[in-house]
Every structure is written in structure tokens, then in C-alpha cells.
Amino acid sequence: MSHHAETASHRNAAVILMTAGGANPRLVINALAPMFANLTVIEERPEAKSVLLRRRAKKLGWIVAFGQLATMVVSRLGKNAVRRRSEAIIAAHGLSDAANPTVSVIHVPSLNDPACHDAVARLQPKAVLTVSCRLLSRQTLAAIPCPAINLHAGINPAYRGQMGGYWALANGDRQNFGATVHLVDAGVDTGGSLYEVRPSPEKSDTMMTYPLLLTAAAIPSVVQALDDALTGGLKPYQAGGVSKMHYNPTVWTWLWNGVAKGVW
């Protein structure tokens, strides 16, 4: 069998993409759909902001939680202001963030809901990819019969959690502005690393475009990781460095880093 035929054969296997939806996951879906014939999306409802706020407050305190919520509001309101840069990133990588009607989507309340477990059992995937979704429970991980891979917009383990690219720049750690494709385990971005990418942000990039840039740049590595999973060629490794969890910056931290360091 030729190499091309082998590639075509393994890419006919069932692949599931799990997500809470959004423009960045749509970039990935549209890139994968022409390559993986049996791609199915399982989409959960995003967590309510009130639930997120209460959980953050319990962990970090109400002041910090409200400060992070304010940043999320600013970021959402600013999406239109960075539309031109966002469109330039998408075009430069030959991608599309439009909804794709050719890909089957299964809607579930949560990826940790039995409805998701039932869908996985029915589809029997050979690889699962998670993009922009909540942490998978141990029960969900146990229900997945194959390697589960995550696209994380940060370099692990130093920039686990949220806004990894932003924090790397804010910390003066520009060489670690990047994304990691890694295996999923019960922790937050703690599974073995598979690939890393380190694109160079433009001066016009901000907190509102960093995740988009990192997602777009990481898609070739995502494809490679899925190919590896489908052919039994995964080679995870434990990346070195100090492991640190990050969250969205509070609005006052974001303003300070913008004014003092030029990192918006």
C-alpha cells in the first residue's frame, strides 16, 4: 500500500472534536473537515457566567473574580475593534471561521453529561480532540476509548490555564508566546506534550487576538497529532520548567500591563 493510501485509510477513522463552540474552534473544524472524513463535533453549552463567577470567587475571592469578569466583558466588546486583524490572521493561514453545515454536530448540556458519554459510545472514535471546552471529568475520560488530545493556547507547563500567550508577553517571556498540543488527563493542561508552536505576534495583536493567532498557528500540529493518534505514533513527553496555572487578568492588571508594558 502506498503512503498516500495509508494516509487516506487512517483518516477515514472516526474522530470527535469536543468544544463549547466559538470562532476559534470553527477554524479547527473547517481545517479538519476536508482531511478527516468521519469527523463529528460534540458541542456543549458554554458555562453560565454566574457559575464561572461563583467558582472563581470561591478559589480567588470576589474582588479578583469580578475583576476577571470585567476583563471578559471588555474583551467581548472589543472584538469589533480588532476585526480587521482577526480577518488578516484567518486569511494568512488560509482558514475560515464560518459555520460548516457539512459537519455533523451533536449538542449536549455538558461534555461531562451522560448524553456525551452515550454519543462517544455510539461513535467509537479512534481519536478525540478538545478545543475551548470545560475540564473533562474522570468519568468522561473513562468513557473515551482512545487518545484524547487538547489544543491549548499557551506553552505548558509554564502557561497552563487561560490566556497563556498574553501572560507570556506580560511576563517578558516572549520566547514562550505559543501553543501546546498535548494529551488530556484529569488535570488542567497537565497531560504529556506532543507539539509546540511559537508564532510571532504583531504589534497590533492584543488579548483579543492572541488566542486566535495561536489556534491558527497550531492547526498543522493538531493534524499531525491526530495522524499520530490514528496510526499509533503518539510520542508524548514531559516539558520542563515550572508549572503555573493562569487565569484571565483582572481589568486593572490588564490596564497596568497595557500602559506600563504595551501588552494589551
C-alpha atoms as a PDB file:
ATOM      1  CA  MET A   1       0.000   0.000   0.000  1.00  0.00           C
ATOM      2  CA  SER A   2       1.353   3.454  -0.884  1.00  0.00           C
ATOM      3  CA  HIS A   3       1.946   6.129   1.758  1.00  0.00           C
ATOM      4  CA  HIS A   4      -0.906   8.161   0.255  1.00  0.00           C
ATOM      5  CA  ALA A   5      -3.275   5.200   0.503  1.00  0.00           C
ATOM      6  CA  GLU A   6      -2.244   4.605   4.126  1.00  0.00           C
ATOM      7  CA  THR A   7      -2.941   8.256   4.910  1.00  0.00           C
ATOM      8  CA  ALA A   8      -6.343   8.078   3.236  1.00  0.00           C
ATOM      9  CA  SER A   9      -7.151   4.866   5.103  1.00  0.00           C
ATOM     10  CA  HIS A  10      -6.406   6.018   8.644  1.00  0.00           C
ATOM     11  CA  ARG A  11      -8.101   9.357   8.060  1.00  0.00           C
ATOM     12  CA  ASN A  12     -11.369   7.521   7.427  1.00  0.00           C
ATOM     13  CA  ALA A  13     -11.479   6.549  11.124  1.00  0.00           C
ATOM     14  CA  ALA A  14     -13.989   8.209  13.441  1.00  0.00           C
ATOM     15  CA  VAL A  15     -12.671  11.424  15.003  1.00  0.00           C
ATOM     16  CA  ILE A  16     -14.566  13.536  17.556  1.00  0.00           C
ATOM     17  CA  LEU A  17     -13.951  17.216  18.246  1.00  0.00           C
ATOM     18  CA  MET A  18     -15.310  18.328  21.630  1.00  0.00           C
ATOM     19  CA  THR A  19     -15.932  22.028  22.187  1.00  0.00           C
ATOM     20  CA  ALA A  20     -18.144  24.694  23.740  1.00  0.00           C
ATOM     21  CA  GLY A  21     -18.307  26.403  20.337  1.00  0.00           C
ATOM     22  CA  GLY A  22     -16.978  29.720  19.101  1.00  0.00           C
ATOM     23  CA  ALA A  23     -14.935  31.205  16.260  1.00  0.00           C
ATOM     24  CA  ASN A  24     -11.605  29.599  17.203  1.00  0.00           C
ATOM     25  CA  PRO A  25     -12.991  26.034  17.305  1.00  0.00           C
ATOM     26  CA  ARG A  26     -14.689  26.701  13.956  1.00  0.00           C
ATOM     27  CA  LEU A  27     -11.262  27.422  12.462  1.00  0.00           C
ATOM     28  CA  VAL A  28     -10.136  23.965  13.587  1.00  0.00           C
ATOM     29  CA  ILE A  29     -13.335  22.239  12.436  1.00  0.00           C
ATOM     30  CA  ASN A  30     -13.083  23.772   8.975  1.00  0.00           C
ATOM     31  CA  ALA A  31      -9.420  22.811   8.674  1.00  0.00           C
ATOM     32  CA  LEU A  32     -10.009  19.199   9.763  1.00  0.00           C
ATOM     33  CA  ALA A  33     -13.247  18.506   7.875  1.00  0.00           C
ATOM     34  CA  PRO A  34     -11.661  18.029   4.408  1.00  0.00           C
ATOM     35  CA  MET A  35      -8.962  15.740   5.857  1.00  0.00           C
ATOM     36  CA  PHE A  36     -10.879  13.514   8.272  1.00  0.00           C
ATOM     37  CA  ALA A  37     -13.914  12.008   6.557  1.00  0.00           C
ATOM     38  CA  ASN A  38     -15.654  10.858   9.735  1.00  0.00           C
ATOM     39  CA  LEU A  39     -15.307  13.992  11.849  1.00  0.00           C
ATOM     40  CA  THR A  40     -18.120  14.621  14.326  1.00  0.00           C
ATOM     41  CA  VAL A  41     -18.421  17.594  16.669  1.00  0.00           C
ATOM     42  CA  ILE A  42     -19.863  17.235  20.158  1.00  0.00           C
ATOM     43  CA  GLU A  43     -20.735  20.735  21.357  1.00  0.00           C
ATOM     44  CA  GLU A  44     -21.644  21.567  24.926  1.00  0.00           C
ATOM     45  CA  ARG A  45     -23.496  24.617  26.182  1.00  0.00           C
ATOM     46  CA  PRO A  46     -20.999  27.182  27.488  1.00  0.00           C
ATOM     47  CA  GLU A  47     -20.973  27.568  31.254  1.00  0.00           C
ATOM     48  CA  ALA A  48     -23.122  30.420  32.541  1.00  0.00           C
ATOM     49  CA  LYS A  49     -21.080  33.448  33.612  1.00  0.00           C
ATOM     50  CA  SER A  50     -22.736  33.278  37.034  1.00  0.00           C
ATOM     51  CA  VAL A  51     -21.458  29.716  37.574  1.00  0.00           C
ATOM     52  CA  LEU A  52     -17.982  30.721  36.425  1.00  0.00           C
ATOM     53  CA  LEU A  53     -18.038  33.785  38.677  1.00  0.00           C
ATOM     54  CA  ARG A  54     -19.011  31.783  41.770  1.00  0.00           C
ATOM     55  CA  ARG A  55     -16.320  29.164  41.115  1.00  0.00           C
ATOM     56  CA  ARG A  56     -13.636  31.814  40.622  1.00  0.00           C
ATOM     57  CA  ALA A  57     -14.776  33.692  43.727  1.00  0.00           C
ATOM     58  CA  LYS A  58     -14.502  30.517  45.787  1.00  0.00           C
ATOM     59  CA  LYS A  59     -10.963  29.966  44.538  1.00  0.00           C
ATOM     60  CA  LEU A  60      -9.613  33.519  44.190  1.00  0.00           C
ATOM     61  CA  GLY A  61     -12.017  35.798  46.092  1.00  0.00           C
ATOM     62  CA  TRP A  62     -14.879  38.004  44.896  1.00  0.00           C
ATOM     63  CA  ILE A  63     -12.761  41.081  44.069  1.00  0.00           C
ATOM     64  CA  VAL A  64     -10.482  39.143  41.728  1.00  0.00           C
ATOM     65  CA  ALA A  65     -13.451  37.248  40.257  1.00  0.00           C
ATOM     66  CA  PHE A  66     -15.292  40.486  39.407  1.00  0.00           C
ATOM     67  CA  GLY A  67     -12.065  41.967  38.013  1.00  0.00           C
ATOM     68  CA  GLN A  68     -11.685  38.965  35.697  1.00  0.00           C
ATOM     69  CA  LEU A  69     -15.324  39.194  34.650  1.00  0.00           C
ATOM     70  CA  ALA A  70     -14.830  42.869  33.771  1.00  0.00           C
ATOM     71  CA  THR A  71     -11.883  41.934  31.540  1.00  0.00           C
ATOM     72  CA  MET A  72     -14.008  39.295  29.792  1.00  0.00           C
ATOM     73  CA  VAL A  73     -16.683  41.944  29.138  1.00  0.00           C
ATOM     74  CA  VAL A  74     -14.076  44.397  27.779  1.00  0.00           C
ATOM     75  CA  SER A  75     -12.641  41.645  25.578  1.00  0.00           C
ATOM     76  CA  ARG A  76     -16.042  40.780  24.155  1.00  0.00           C
ATOM     77  CA  LEU A  77     -16.897  44.434  23.497  1.00  0.00           C
ATOM     78  CA  GLY A  78     -13.542  44.910  21.797  1.00  0.00           C
ATOM     79  CA  LYS A  79     -13.991  42.101  19.261  1.00  0.00           C
ATOM     80  CA  ASN A  80     -15.279  44.525  16.626  1.00  0.00           C
ATOM     81  CA  ALA A  81     -12.306  46.824  17.145  1.00  0.00           C
ATOM     82  CA  VAL A  82      -9.878  44.023  16.247  1.00  0.00           C
ATOM     83  CA  ARG A  83     -11.967  42.543  13.441  1.00  0.00           C
ATOM     84  CA  ARG A  84      -9.537  43.639  10.722  1.00  0.00           C
ATOM     85  CA  ARG A  85      -6.570  41.997  12.470  1.00  0.00           C
ATOM     86  CA  SER A  86      -8.627  38.857  13.146  1.00  0.00           C
ATOM     87  CA  GLU A  87      -9.571  38.613   9.479  1.00  0.00           C
ATOM     88  CA  ALA A  88      -5.917  39.087   8.499  1.00  0.00           C
ATOM     89  CA  ILE A  89      -4.838  36.195  10.760  1.00  0.00           C
ATOM     90  CA  ILE A  90      -7.520  33.915   9.335  1.00  0.00           C
ATOM     91  CA  ALA A  91      -6.640  34.837   5.750  1.00  0.00           C
ATOM     92  CA  ALA A  92      -2.877  34.477   6.299  1.00  0.00           C
ATOM     93  CA  HIS A  93      -3.396  30.872   7.431  1.00  0.00           C
ATOM     94  CA  GLY A  94      -5.899  30.056   4.681  1.00  0.00           C
ATOM     95  CA  LEU A  95      -8.654  29.317   7.205  1.00  0.00           C
ATOM     96  CA  SER A  96     -12.350  30.061   7.741  1.00  0.00           C
ATOM     97  CA  ASP A  97     -14.346  30.642  10.922  1.00  0.00           C
ATOM     98  CA  ALA A  98     -17.729  30.232   9.209  1.00  0.00           C
ATOM     99  CA  ALA A  99     -20.164  27.581  10.448  1.00  0.00           C
ATOM    100  CA  ASN A 100     -19.690  24.360   8.482  1.00  0.00           C
ATOM    101  CA  PRO A 101     -23.018  22.698   7.583  1.00  0.00           C
ATOM    102  CA  THR A 102     -21.266  19.588   6.238  1.00  0.00           C
ATOM    103  CA  VAL A 103     -20.006  18.509   9.677  1.00  0.00           C
ATOM    104  CA  SER A 104     -22.336  16.592  11.982  1.00  0.00           C
ATOM    105  CA  VAL A 105     -22.826  18.320  15.353  1.00  0.00           C
ATOM    106  CA  ILE A 106     -24.228  16.618  18.458  1.00  0.00           C
ATOM    107  CA  HIS A 107     -25.425  19.091  21.097  1.00  0.00           C
ATOM    108  CA  VAL A 108     -25.142  18.113  24.756  1.00  0.00           C
ATOM    109  CA  PRO A 109     -25.682  20.068  28.018  1.00  0.00           C
ATOM    110  CA  SER A 110     -22.097  19.355  29.044  1.00  0.00           C
ATOM    111  CA  LEU A 111     -19.234  17.187  27.862  1.00  0.00           C
ATOM    112  CA  ASN A 112     -19.436  15.621  31.333  1.00  0.00           C
ATOM    113  CA  ASP A 113     -23.093  14.699  30.841  1.00  0.00           C
ATOM    114  CA  PRO A 114     -24.192  11.086  30.147  1.00  0.00           C
ATOM    115  CA  ALA A 115     -25.506  12.314  26.768  1.00  0.00           C
ATOM    116  CA  CYS A 116     -21.899  12.952  25.727  1.00  0.00           C
ATOM    117  CA  HIS A 117     -20.782   9.569  27.044  1.00  0.00           C
ATOM    118  CA  ASP A 118     -23.565   7.902  25.039  1.00  0.00           C
ATOM    119  CA  ALA A 119     -22.504   9.722  21.876  1.00  0.00           C
ATOM    120  CA  VAL A 120     -18.890   8.617  22.346  1.00  0.00           C
ATOM    121  CA  ALA A 121     -20.002   5.006  22.885  1.00  0.00           C
ATOM    122  CA  ARG A 122     -22.084   5.167  19.713  1.00  0.00           C
ATOM    123  CA  LEU A 123     -19.378   6.743  17.542  1.00  0.00           C
ATOM    124  CA  GLN A 124     -16.443   4.673  18.856  1.00  0.00           C
ATOM    125  CA  PRO A 125     -13.804   7.261  17.901  1.00  0.00           C
ATOM    126  CA  LYS A 126     -10.166   6.426  17.259  1.00  0.00           C
ATOM    127  CA  ALA A 127      -9.112   9.938  18.315  1.00  0.00           C
ATOM    128  CA  VAL A 128     -10.703  12.800  20.269  1.00  0.00           C
ATOM    129  CA  LEU A 129      -9.683  16.461  20.090  1.00  0.00           C
ATOM    130  CA  THR A 130     -10.779  19.069  22.635  1.00  0.00           C
ATOM    131  CA  VAL A 131     -10.795  22.777  21.759  1.00  0.00           C
ATOM    132  CA  SER A 132     -12.147  25.549  24.016  1.00  0.00           C
ATOM    133  CA  CYS A 133     -14.251  23.496  26.420  1.00  0.00           C
ATOM    134  CA  ARG A 134     -14.559  22.817  30.115  1.00  0.00           C
ATOM    135  CA  LEU A 135     -12.313  20.389  32.003  1.00  0.00           C
ATOM    136  CA  LEU A 136     -13.288  16.782  31.297  1.00  0.00           C
ATOM    137  CA  SER A 137     -14.307  14.780  34.364  1.00  0.00           C
ATOM    138  CA  ARG A 138     -12.716  11.444  35.216  1.00  0.00           C
ATOM    139  CA  GLN A 139     -15.975   9.784  34.168  1.00  0.00           C
ATOM    140  CA  THR A 140     -15.809  11.418  30.743  1.00  0.00           C
ATOM    141  CA  LEU A 141     -12.154  10.496  30.331  1.00  0.00           C
ATOM    142  CA  ALA A 142     -13.020   6.910  31.251  1.00  0.00           C
ATOM    143  CA  ALA A 143     -15.766   6.904  28.593  1.00  0.00           C
ATOM    144  CA  ILE A 144     -13.293   7.870  25.844  1.00  0.00           C
ATOM    145  CA  PRO A 145     -11.823   4.681  24.315  1.00  0.00           C
ATOM    146  CA  CYS A 146      -8.925   6.349  22.503  1.00  0.00           C
ATOM    147  CA  PRO A 147      -6.281   9.062  22.855  1.00  0.00           C
ATOM    148  CA  ALA A 148      -7.723  12.471  23.766  1.00  0.00           C
ATOM    149  CA  ILE A 149      -5.738  15.488  22.586  1.00  0.00           C
ATOM    150  CA  ASN A 150      -6.120  19.152  23.538  1.00  0.00           C
ATOM    151  CA  LEU A 151      -5.184  22.343  21.705  1.00  0.00           C
ATOM    152  CA  HIS A 152      -4.019  24.756  24.393  1.00  0.00           C
ATOM    153  CA  ALA A 153      -3.253  28.420  23.611  1.00  0.00           C
ATOM    154  CA  GLY A 154      -0.216  28.536  25.875  1.00  0.00           C
ATOM    155  CA  ILE A 155       3.120  26.789  26.392  1.00  0.00           C
ATOM    156  CA  ASN A 156       2.915  24.063  29.038  1.00  0.00           C
ATOM    157  CA  PRO A 157       3.676  23.758  31.863  1.00  0.00           C
ATOM    158  CA  ALA A 158       4.595  27.421  32.461  1.00  0.00           C
ATOM    159  CA  TYR A 159       1.356  28.827  30.988  1.00  0.00           C
ATOM    160  CA  ARG A 160      -1.380  26.370  31.878  1.00  0.00           C
ATOM    161  CA  GLY A 161      -4.992  27.567  32.131  1.00  0.00           C
ATOM    162  CA  GLN A 162      -6.176  30.692  30.373  1.00  0.00           C
ATOM    163  CA  MET A 163      -4.558  33.409  28.264  1.00  0.00           C
ATOM    164  CA  GLY A 164      -1.167  31.705  28.072  1.00  0.00           C
ATOM    165  CA  GLY A 165       0.038  33.891  25.204  1.00  0.00           C
ATOM    166  CA  TYR A 166      -0.957  37.085  26.974  1.00  0.00           C
ATOM    167  CA  TRP A 167       0.776  36.087  30.208  1.00  0.00           C
ATOM    168  CA  ALA A 168       3.980  35.106  28.419  1.00  0.00           C
ATOM    169  CA  LEU A 169       4.194  38.595  26.894  1.00  0.00           C
ATOM    170  CA  ALA A 170       3.146  40.319  30.122  1.00  0.00           C
ATOM    171  CA  ASN A 171       5.912  38.418  31.942  1.00  0.00           C
ATOM    172  CA  GLY A 172       8.518  39.497  29.383  1.00  0.00           C
ATOM    173  CA  ASP A 173       8.788  35.849  28.293  1.00  0.00           C
ATOM    174  CA  ARG A 174       8.256  36.457  24.580  1.00  0.00           C
ATOM    175  CA  GLN A 175      10.061  33.264  23.551  1.00  0.00           C
ATOM    176  CA  ASN A 176       7.272  31.307  25.228  1.00  0.00           C
ATOM    177  CA  PHE A 177       4.431  33.006  23.373  1.00  0.00           C
ATOM    178  CA  GLY A 178       2.976  29.873  21.873  1.00  0.00           C
ATOM    179  CA  ALA A 179       0.543  26.961  21.913  1.00  0.00           C
ATOM    180  CA  THR A 180       0.819  23.350  23.018  1.00  0.00           C
ATOM    181  CA  VAL A 181      -0.878  20.284  21.559  1.00  0.00           C
ATOM    182  CA  HIS A 182      -0.966  17.741  24.380  1.00  0.00           C
ATOM    183  CA  LEU A 183      -2.691  14.665  25.740  1.00  0.00           C
ATOM    184  CA  VAL A 184      -5.692  15.198  28.013  1.00  0.00           C
ATOM    185  CA  ASP A 185      -5.635  13.910  31.571  1.00  0.00           C
ATOM    186  CA  ALA A 186      -7.609  14.783  34.715  1.00  0.00           C
ATOM    187  CA  GLY A 187      -5.562  17.944  35.364  1.00  0.00           C
ATOM    188  CA  VAL A 188      -5.653  21.364  33.724  1.00  0.00           C
ATOM    189  CA  ASP A 189      -3.225  21.233  30.769  1.00  0.00           C
ATOM    190  CA  THR A 190      -1.053  18.682  32.590  1.00  0.00           C
ATOM    191  CA  GLY A 191      -1.050  15.825  30.057  1.00  0.00           C
ATOM    192  CA  GLY A 192       2.057  14.884  28.094  1.00  0.00           C
ATOM    193  CA  SER A 193       3.074  17.397  25.424  1.00  0.00           C
ATOM    194  CA  LEU A 194       3.046  16.368  21.766  1.00  0.00           C
ATOM    195  CA  TYR A 195       3.902  19.533  19.824  1.00  0.00           C
ATOM    196  CA  GLU A 196       4.596  23.204  20.499  1.00  0.00           C
ATOM    197  CA  VAL A 197       4.327  26.182  18.150  1.00  0.00           C
ATOM    198  CA  ARG A 198       5.691  29.666  18.730  1.00  0.00           C
ATOM    199  CA  PRO A 199       4.395  32.221  16.211  1.00  0.00           C
ATOM    200  CA  SER A 200       5.406  35.882  16.397  1.00  0.00           C
ATOM    201  CA  PRO A 201       2.621  38.293  17.372  1.00  0.00           C
ATOM    202  CA  GLU A 202       2.256  41.589  15.535  1.00  0.00           C
ATOM    203  CA  LYS A 203       2.278  44.925  17.351  1.00  0.00           C
ATOM    204  CA  SER A 204      -1.440  45.184  16.607  1.00  0.00           C
ATOM    205  CA  ASP A 205      -2.196  41.908  18.415  1.00  0.00           C
ATOM    206  CA  THR A 206      -3.875  42.086  21.808  1.00  0.00           C
ATOM    207  CA  MET A 207      -5.526  39.821  24.366  1.00  0.00           C
ATOM    208  CA  MET A 208      -8.455  39.745  21.911  1.00  0.00           C
ATOM    209  CA  THR A 209      -6.392  38.235  19.074  1.00  0.00           C
ATOM    210  CA  TYR A 210      -3.651  36.207  20.803  1.00  0.00           C
ATOM    211  CA  PRO A 211      -5.833  33.052  21.164  1.00  0.00           C
ATOM    212  CA  LEU A 212      -6.918  33.282  17.518  1.00  0.00           C
ATOM    213  CA  LEU A 213      -3.305  33.619  16.313  1.00  0.00           C
ATOM    214  CA  LEU A 214      -2.178  30.697  18.468  1.00  0.00           C
ATOM    215  CA  THR A 215      -5.080  28.493  17.364  1.00  0.00           C
ATOM    216  CA  ALA A 216      -4.421  29.204  13.685  1.00  0.00           C
ATOM    217  CA  ALA A 217      -0.686  28.587  14.027  1.00  0.00           C
ATOM    218  CA  ALA A 218      -1.218  25.301  15.877  1.00  0.00           C
ATOM    219  CA  ILE A 219      -3.584  23.663  13.363  1.00  0.00           C
ATOM    220  CA  PRO A 220      -0.830  21.856  11.369  1.00  0.00           C
ATOM    221  CA  SER A 221       0.422  20.386  14.669  1.00  0.00           C
ATOM    222  CA  VAL A 222      -3.135  19.344  15.569  1.00  0.00           C
ATOM    223  CA  VAL A 223      -3.410  17.495  12.247  1.00  0.00           C
ATOM    224  CA  GLN A 224      -0.067  15.798  12.886  1.00  0.00           C
ATOM    225  CA  ALA A 225      -1.120  14.780  16.406  1.00  0.00           C
ATOM    226  CA  LEU A 226      -4.378  13.281  15.108  1.00  0.00           C
ATOM    227  CA  ASP A 227      -2.445  11.387  12.423  1.00  0.00           C
ATOM    228  CA  ASP A 228      -0.111  10.124  15.138  1.00  0.00           C
ATOM    229  CA  ALA A 229      -3.057   9.012  17.286  1.00  0.00           C
ATOM    230  CA  LEU A 230      -4.722   7.200  14.388  1.00  0.00           C
ATOM    231  CA  THR A 231      -1.540   5.369  13.387  1.00  0.00           C
ATOM    232  CA  GLY A 232      -0.301   4.547  16.899  1.00  0.00           C
ATOM    233  CA  GLY A 233       2.564   7.015  16.616  1.00  0.00           C
ATOM    234  CA  LEU A 234       1.965   9.325  19.582  1.00  0.00           C
ATOM    235  CA  LYS A 235       5.170  10.281  21.421  1.00  0.00           C
ATOM    236  CA  PRO A 236       4.223  12.357  24.465  1.00  0.00           C
ATOM    237  CA  TYR A 237       6.933  13.981  26.566  1.00  0.00           C
ATOM    238  CA  GLN A 238       7.012  15.955  29.798  1.00  0.00           C
ATOM    239  CA  ALA A 239       8.076  19.505  29.032  1.00  0.00           C
ATOM    240  CA  GLY A 240      10.475  21.072  31.511  1.00  0.00           C
ATOM    241  CA  GLY A 241      10.073  24.235  33.530  1.00  0.00           C
ATOM    242  CA  VAL A 242       7.975  25.450  36.438  1.00  0.00           C
ATOM    243  CA  SER A 243       4.294  24.553  36.207  1.00  0.00           C
ATOM    244  CA  LYS A 244       1.971  27.510  36.764  1.00  0.00           C
ATOM    245  CA  MET A 245      -1.779  27.958  36.422  1.00  0.00           C
ATOM    246  CA  HIS A 246      -3.099  31.196  34.911  1.00  0.00           C
ATOM    247  CA  TYR A 247      -6.498  32.888  34.674  1.00  0.00           C
ATOM    248  CA  ASN A 248      -7.874  35.863  32.787  1.00  0.00           C
ATOM    249  CA  PRO A 249      -6.223  39.053  34.078  1.00  0.00           C
ATOM    250  CA  THR A 250      -8.306  41.382  36.205  1.00  0.00           C
ATOM    251  CA  VAL A 251      -9.260  44.551  34.361  1.00  0.00           C
ATOM    252  CA  TRP A 252      -6.833  46.634  36.464  1.00  0.00           C
ATOM    253  CA  THR A 253      -3.962  44.198  35.765  1.00  0.00           C
ATOM    254  CA  TRP A 254      -4.791  44.319  32.050  1.00  0.00           C
ATOM    255  CA  LEU A 255      -4.776  48.133  32.073  1.00  0.00           C
ATOM    256  CA  TRP A 256      -1.498  48.260  34.014  1.00  0.00           C
ATOM    257  CA  ASN A 257       0.249  45.820  31.647  1.00  0.00           C
ATOM    258  CA  GLY A 258      -1.090  47.771  28.674  1.00  0.00           C
ATOM    259  CA  VAL A 259       0.098  51.161  29.890  1.00  0.00           C
ATOM    260  CA  ALA A 260       3.361  50.069  31.524  1.00  0.00           C
ATOM    261  CA  LYS A 261       4.457  47.287  29.166  1.00  0.00           C
ATOM    262  CA  GLY A 262       2.486  47.823  25.966  1.00  0.00           C
ATOM    263  CA  VAL A 263       0.898  44.390  26.351  1.00  0.00           C
ATOM    264  CA  TRP A 264      -2.810  44.717  25.738  1.00  0.00           C
END
